[in-house]
């Protein structure tokens, strides 16, 4: 049987509860940068879905947020 996680457990999984204020601000800034690049490059019009956006953000995060969001997403054209 699957156990469903509550919101507090999910926050711990992604480190949200344990983030320092600086880490949270950095994440928020990077997320905004990614969203702006997503919109500017019209990724949804190119057929990319919301699930793909989340997966790509995770990939970008794992790559240390390099290259910048526009270049990272621009490679997908």
N, C-alpha and C. Protein backbone atom coordinates (compact mmCIF):
# COMPACT_ATOMS: atom_id res chain seq x y z
N UNK A 1 0.83 -1.17 0.00
CA UNK A 1 0.00 0.00 0.00
C UNK A 1 0.89 1.25 0.00
N UNK A 2 0.53 2.23 -0.79
CA UNK A 2 1.27 3.47 -0.87
C UNK A 2 0.95 4.37 0.31
N UNK A 3 1.96 5.00 0.84
CA UNK A 3 1.75 5.98 1.90
C UNK A 3 1.73 7.36 1.27
N UNK A 4 0.74 8.14 1.58
CA UNK A 4 0.65 9.50 1.06
C UNK A 4 1.39 10.44 2.00
N UNK A 5 2.22 11.30 1.43
CA UNK A 5 2.97 12.26 2.23
C UNK A 5 2.13 13.51 2.45
N UNK A 6 2.22 14.05 3.66
CA UNK A 6 1.55 15.31 3.89
C UNK A 6 2.48 16.46 3.49
N UNK A 7 2.00 17.69 3.54
CA UNK A 7 2.79 18.84 3.10
C UNK A 7 4.09 19.00 3.88
N UNK A 8 4.05 18.76 5.19
CA UNK A 8 5.27 18.89 6.00
C UNK A 8 6.32 17.88 5.55
N UNK A 9 5.91 16.65 5.28
CA UNK A 9 6.85 15.64 4.81
C UNK A 9 7.42 16.01 3.45
N UNK A 10 6.59 16.55 2.57
CA UNK A 10 7.07 16.96 1.25
C UNK A 10 8.08 18.09 1.36
N UNK A 11 7.85 19.04 2.24
CA UNK A 11 8.80 20.14 2.42
C UNK A 11 10.15 19.60 2.86
N UNK A 12 10.15 18.59 3.73
CA UNK A 12 11.41 18.01 4.18
C UNK A 12 12.12 17.28 3.06
N UNK A 13 11.37 16.64 2.18
CA UNK A 13 11.96 15.89 1.06
C UNK A 13 12.74 16.84 0.16
N UNK A 14 12.18 17.98 -0.16
CA UNK A 14 12.84 18.91 -1.07
C UNK A 14 13.71 19.92 -0.35
N UNK A 15 13.80 19.79 0.97
CA UNK A 15 14.69 20.67 1.72
C UNK A 15 14.09 22.03 2.02
N UNK A 16 12.84 22.25 1.67
CA UNK A 16 12.24 23.55 1.86
C UNK A 16 12.22 24.02 3.30
N UNK A 17 11.96 23.12 4.21
CA UNK A 17 11.89 23.50 5.62
C UNK A 17 13.27 23.82 6.19
N UNK A 18 14.26 23.18 5.65
CA UNK A 18 15.61 23.34 6.19
C UNK A 18 16.42 24.39 5.45
N UNK A 19 15.82 25.07 4.48
CA UNK A 19 16.54 26.09 3.73
C UNK A 19 16.78 27.32 4.59
N UNK A 20 17.96 27.89 4.45
CA UNK A 20 18.21 29.17 5.10
C UNK A 20 17.51 30.25 4.29
N UNK A 21 17.42 31.42 4.84
CA UNK A 21 16.78 32.53 4.12
C UNK A 21 17.52 32.83 2.82
N UNK A 22 18.85 32.75 2.83
CA UNK A 22 19.64 32.99 1.62
C UNK A 22 19.40 31.91 0.57
N UNK A 23 19.30 30.66 0.99
CA UNK A 23 19.02 29.57 0.06
C UNK A 23 17.64 29.72 -0.56
N UNK A 24 16.68 30.09 0.26
CA UNK A 24 15.32 30.29 -0.24
C UNK A 24 15.27 31.45 -1.22
N UNK A 25 15.96 32.54 -0.91
CA UNK A 25 15.99 33.69 -1.82
C UNK A 25 16.67 33.31 -3.13
N UNK A 26 17.76 32.56 -3.06
CA UNK A 26 18.45 32.12 -4.27
C UNK A 26 17.57 31.24 -5.13
N UNK A 27 16.85 30.32 -4.50
CA UNK A 27 15.95 29.44 -5.23
C UNK A 27 14.84 30.26 -5.90
N UNK A 28 14.28 31.19 -5.15
CA UNK A 28 13.19 32.03 -5.68
C UNK A 28 13.67 32.85 -6.87
N UNK A 29 14.86 33.39 -6.78
CA UNK A 29 15.44 34.17 -7.88
C UNK A 29 15.66 33.30 -9.11
N UNK A 30 16.23 32.12 -8.91
CA UNK A 30 16.48 31.21 -10.03
C UNK A 30 15.18 30.73 -10.67
N UNK A 31 14.18 30.47 -9.84
CA UNK A 31 12.89 30.02 -10.36
C UNK A 31 12.27 31.12 -11.23
N UNK A 32 12.36 32.37 -10.78
CA UNK A 32 11.83 33.49 -11.56
C UNK A 32 12.60 33.64 -12.87
N UNK A 33 13.91 33.49 -12.82
CA UNK A 33 14.74 33.57 -14.03
C UNK A 33 14.32 32.51 -15.04
N UNK A 34 14.10 31.29 -14.54
CA UNK A 34 13.70 30.19 -15.40
C UNK A 34 12.33 30.45 -16.01
N UNK A 35 11.38 30.91 -15.20
CA UNK A 35 10.03 31.19 -15.69
C UNK A 35 10.04 32.29 -16.75
N UNK A 36 10.83 33.32 -16.52
CA UNK A 36 10.94 34.41 -17.51
C UNK A 36 11.53 33.91 -18.82
N UNK A 37 12.55 33.06 -18.74
CA UNK A 37 13.15 32.50 -19.95
C UNK A 37 12.16 31.59 -20.66
N UNK A 38 11.42 30.79 -19.90
CA UNK A 38 10.40 29.89 -20.46
C UNK A 38 9.39 30.68 -21.28
N UNK A 39 8.92 31.78 -20.68
CA UNK A 39 7.92 32.61 -21.36
C UNK A 39 8.52 33.33 -22.57
N UNK A 40 9.72 33.87 -22.41
CA UNK A 40 10.37 34.62 -23.49
C UNK A 40 10.63 33.73 -24.71
N UNK A 41 10.98 32.48 -24.45
CA UNK A 41 11.28 31.55 -25.54
C UNK A 41 10.02 30.84 -26.05
N UNK A 42 8.87 31.16 -25.45
CA UNK A 42 7.58 30.60 -25.88
C UNK A 42 7.62 29.07 -25.94
N UNK A 43 8.10 28.49 -24.83
CA UNK A 43 8.29 27.04 -24.79
C UNK A 43 6.98 26.27 -24.92
N UNK A 44 5.89 26.77 -24.35
CA UNK A 44 4.62 26.06 -24.46
C UNK A 44 4.14 26.04 -25.90
N UNK A 45 4.37 27.12 -26.63
CA UNK A 45 3.98 27.15 -28.04
C UNK A 45 4.80 26.18 -28.87
N UNK A 46 5.95 25.80 -28.37
CA UNK A 46 6.81 24.84 -29.07
C UNK A 46 6.48 23.40 -28.67
N UNK A 47 5.45 23.24 -27.82
CA UNK A 47 5.00 21.90 -27.45
C UNK A 47 5.50 21.38 -26.12
N UNK A 48 6.20 22.19 -25.36
CA UNK A 48 6.68 21.76 -24.06
C UNK A 48 5.57 21.96 -23.02
N UNK A 49 5.38 20.97 -22.15
CA UNK A 49 4.30 20.99 -21.18
C UNK A 49 4.80 21.46 -19.81
N UNK A 50 3.85 21.63 -18.91
CA UNK A 50 4.19 22.00 -17.53
C UNK A 50 5.05 20.96 -16.85
N UNK A 51 4.76 19.68 -17.11
CA UNK A 51 5.60 18.63 -16.52
C UNK A 51 7.02 18.70 -17.05
N UNK A 52 7.15 18.98 -18.33
CA UNK A 52 8.48 19.13 -18.92
C UNK A 52 9.21 20.32 -18.29
N UNK A 53 8.46 21.39 -18.03
CA UNK A 53 9.07 22.58 -17.41
C UNK A 53 9.66 22.21 -16.07
N UNK A 54 8.92 21.45 -15.26
CA UNK A 54 9.42 21.05 -13.94
C UNK A 54 10.66 20.16 -14.07
N UNK A 55 10.62 19.22 -15.01
CA UNK A 55 11.77 18.34 -15.21
C UNK A 55 12.99 19.12 -15.69
N UNK A 56 12.76 20.06 -16.58
CA UNK A 56 13.88 20.86 -17.09
C UNK A 56 14.45 21.77 -16.01
N UNK A 57 13.58 22.31 -15.16
CA UNK A 57 14.09 23.12 -14.05
C UNK A 57 14.96 22.27 -13.14
N UNK A 58 14.52 21.05 -12.86
CA UNK A 58 15.33 20.14 -12.03
C UNK A 58 16.68 19.85 -12.67
N UNK A 59 16.68 19.65 -13.98
CA UNK A 59 17.94 19.42 -14.70
C UNK A 59 18.85 20.64 -14.59
N UNK A 60 18.27 21.81 -14.76
CA UNK A 60 19.05 23.06 -14.68
C UNK A 60 19.61 23.24 -13.28
N UNK A 61 18.80 22.94 -12.28
CA UNK A 61 19.25 23.03 -10.89
C UNK A 61 20.40 22.06 -10.64
N UNK A 62 20.27 20.83 -11.14
CA UNK A 62 21.32 19.82 -10.97
C UNK A 62 22.62 20.22 -11.68
N UNK A 63 22.49 21.02 -12.74
CA UNK A 63 23.67 21.49 -13.48
C UNK A 63 24.28 22.74 -12.84
N UNK A 64 23.77 23.11 -11.67
CA UNK A 64 24.33 24.28 -10.98
C UNK A 64 23.86 25.59 -11.58
N UNK A 65 22.71 25.57 -12.23
CA UNK A 65 22.12 26.76 -12.86
C UNK A 65 23.02 27.35 -13.94
N UNK A 66 23.74 26.48 -14.62
CA UNK A 66 24.56 26.94 -15.73
C UNK A 66 24.27 26.07 -16.94
N UNK A 67 24.29 26.62 -18.11
CA UNK A 67 24.42 28.05 -18.40
C UNK A 67 23.18 28.79 -17.90
N UNK A 68 23.07 30.08 -18.20
CA UNK A 68 21.90 30.82 -17.74
C UNK A 68 20.64 30.19 -18.33
N UNK A 69 19.49 30.55 -17.78
CA UNK A 69 18.22 29.90 -18.13
C UNK A 69 17.90 30.02 -19.62
N UNK A 70 18.16 31.17 -20.22
CA UNK A 70 17.85 31.35 -21.66
C UNK A 70 18.71 30.40 -22.49
N UNK A 71 19.98 30.32 -22.19
CA UNK A 71 20.86 29.43 -22.95
C UNK A 71 20.50 27.97 -22.70
N UNK A 72 20.18 27.64 -21.44
CA UNK A 72 19.80 26.26 -21.11
C UNK A 72 18.57 25.82 -21.89
N UNK A 73 17.54 26.66 -21.89
CA UNK A 73 16.32 26.31 -22.61
C UNK A 73 16.49 26.48 -24.13
N UNK A 74 17.31 27.43 -24.53
CA UNK A 74 17.53 27.69 -25.94
C UNK A 74 18.12 26.51 -26.70
N UNK A 75 18.80 25.65 -26.01
CA UNK A 75 19.40 24.46 -26.64
C UNK A 75 18.35 23.47 -27.11
N UNK A 76 17.12 23.65 -26.65
CA UNK A 76 16.04 22.70 -26.95
C UNK A 76 15.31 23.02 -28.24
N UNK A 77 15.63 24.10 -28.89
CA UNK A 77 14.89 24.53 -30.08
C UNK A 77 14.81 23.48 -31.11
